[in-house]
Amino acid sequence: MDCILVTGAASGIGAASARLFQAMCRSGWLSPPALNRWAMGWLSRE
């Protein structure tokens, strides 16, 4: 599921961030596809 995948990526940033991303994803504030694109872009800069 996208929310789980994104939360896993966010956990690399920190537990607090992971919970925040998961909460935003679950609330639908951010769409999973858009969030996945952002996460992939962030990870590719590492």
C-alpha atoms as a PDB file:
ATOM      1  CA  MET A   1       0.000   0.000   0.000  1.00  0.00           C
ATOM      2  CA  ASP A   2       1.265   3.467  -0.855  1.00  0.00           C
ATOM      3  CA  CYS A   3       0.886   4.832   2.677  1.00  0.00           C
ATOM      4  CA  ILE A   4       3.056   2.063   4.083  1.00  0.00           C
ATOM      5  CA  LEU A   5       5.681   2.505   1.370  1.00  0.00           C
ATOM      6  CA  VAL A   6       5.834   6.245   1.922  1.00  0.00           C
ATOM      7  CA  THR A   7       5.973   5.835   5.698  1.00  0.00           C
ATOM      8  CA  GLY A   8       8.892   3.456   5.275  1.00  0.00           C
ATOM      9  CA  ALA A   9      10.739   6.033   3.183  1.00  0.00           C
ATOM     10  CA  ALA A  10       9.927   8.782   5.683  1.00  0.00           C
ATOM     11  CA  SER A  11      11.256   6.664   8.545  1.00  0.00           C
ATOM     12  CA  GLY A  12      14.714   7.365   7.148  1.00  0.00           C
ATOM     13  CA  ILE A  13      14.125  11.017   8.029  1.00  0.00           C
ATOM     14  CA  GLY A  14      12.883  10.286  11.538  1.00  0.00           C
ATOM     15  CA  ALA A  15      10.105   8.632  13.490  1.00  0.00           C
ATOM     16  CA  ALA A  16       8.249  11.912  13.973  1.00  0.00           C
ATOM     17  CA  SER A  17       8.374  12.635  10.261  1.00  0.00           C
ATOM     18  CA  ALA A  18       7.179   9.120   9.474  1.00  0.00           C
ATOM     19  CA  ARG A  19       4.143   9.568  11.720  1.00  0.00           C
ATOM     20  CA  LEU A  20       3.433  12.953  10.137  1.00  0.00           C
ATOM     21  CA  PHE A  21       3.637  11.542   6.604  1.00  0.00           C
ATOM     22  CA  GLN A  22       1.414   8.617   7.566  1.00  0.00           C
ATOM     23  CA  ALA A  23      -1.152  10.938   9.131  1.00  0.00           C
ATOM     24  CA  MET A  24      -1.210  13.197   6.048  1.00  0.00           C
ATOM     25  CA  CYS A  25      -1.512  10.183   3.761  1.00  0.00           C
ATOM     26  CA  ARG A  26      -4.335   8.626   5.741  1.00  0.00           C
ATOM     27  CA  SER A  27      -6.245  11.907   5.919  1.00  0.00           C
ATOM     28  CA  GLY A  28      -5.940  12.262   2.143  1.00  0.00           C
ATOM     29  CA  TRP A  29      -4.251  15.666   2.544  1.00  0.00           C
ATOM     30  CA  LEU A  30      -1.570  14.431   0.174  1.00  0.00           C
ATOM     31  CA  SER A  31      -2.365  11.942  -2.562  1.00  0.00           C
ATOM     32  CA  PRO A  32      -0.176   8.806  -2.438  1.00  0.00           C
ATOM     33  CA  PRO A  33       1.000   9.128  -6.083  1.00  0.00           C
ATOM     34  CA  ALA A  34       2.129  12.731  -5.549  1.00  0.00           C
ATOM     35  CA  LEU A  35       3.770  11.826  -2.257  1.00  0.00           C
ATOM     36  CA  ASN A  36       5.541   8.868  -3.873  1.00  0.00           C
ATOM     37  CA  ARG A  37       6.938  11.161  -6.581  1.00  0.00           C
ATOM     38  CA  TRP A  38       8.172  13.560  -3.892  1.00  0.00           C
ATOM     39  CA  ALA A  39       9.708  10.728  -1.862  1.00  0.00           C
ATOM     40  CA  MET A  40      11.468   9.277  -4.913  1.00  0.00           C
ATOM     41  CA  GLY A  41      12.814  12.719  -5.797  1.00  0.00           C
ATOM     42  CA  TRP A  42      14.064  13.241  -2.235  1.00  0.00           C
ATOM     43  CA  LEU A  43      15.688   9.809  -2.075  1.00  0.00           C
ATOM     44  CA  SER A  44      17.386  10.308  -5.442  1.00  0.00           C
ATOM     45  CA  ARG A  45      19.187  13.391  -4.066  1.00  0.00           C
ATOM     46  CA  GLU A  46      20.824  11.358  -1.273  1.00  0.00           C
END
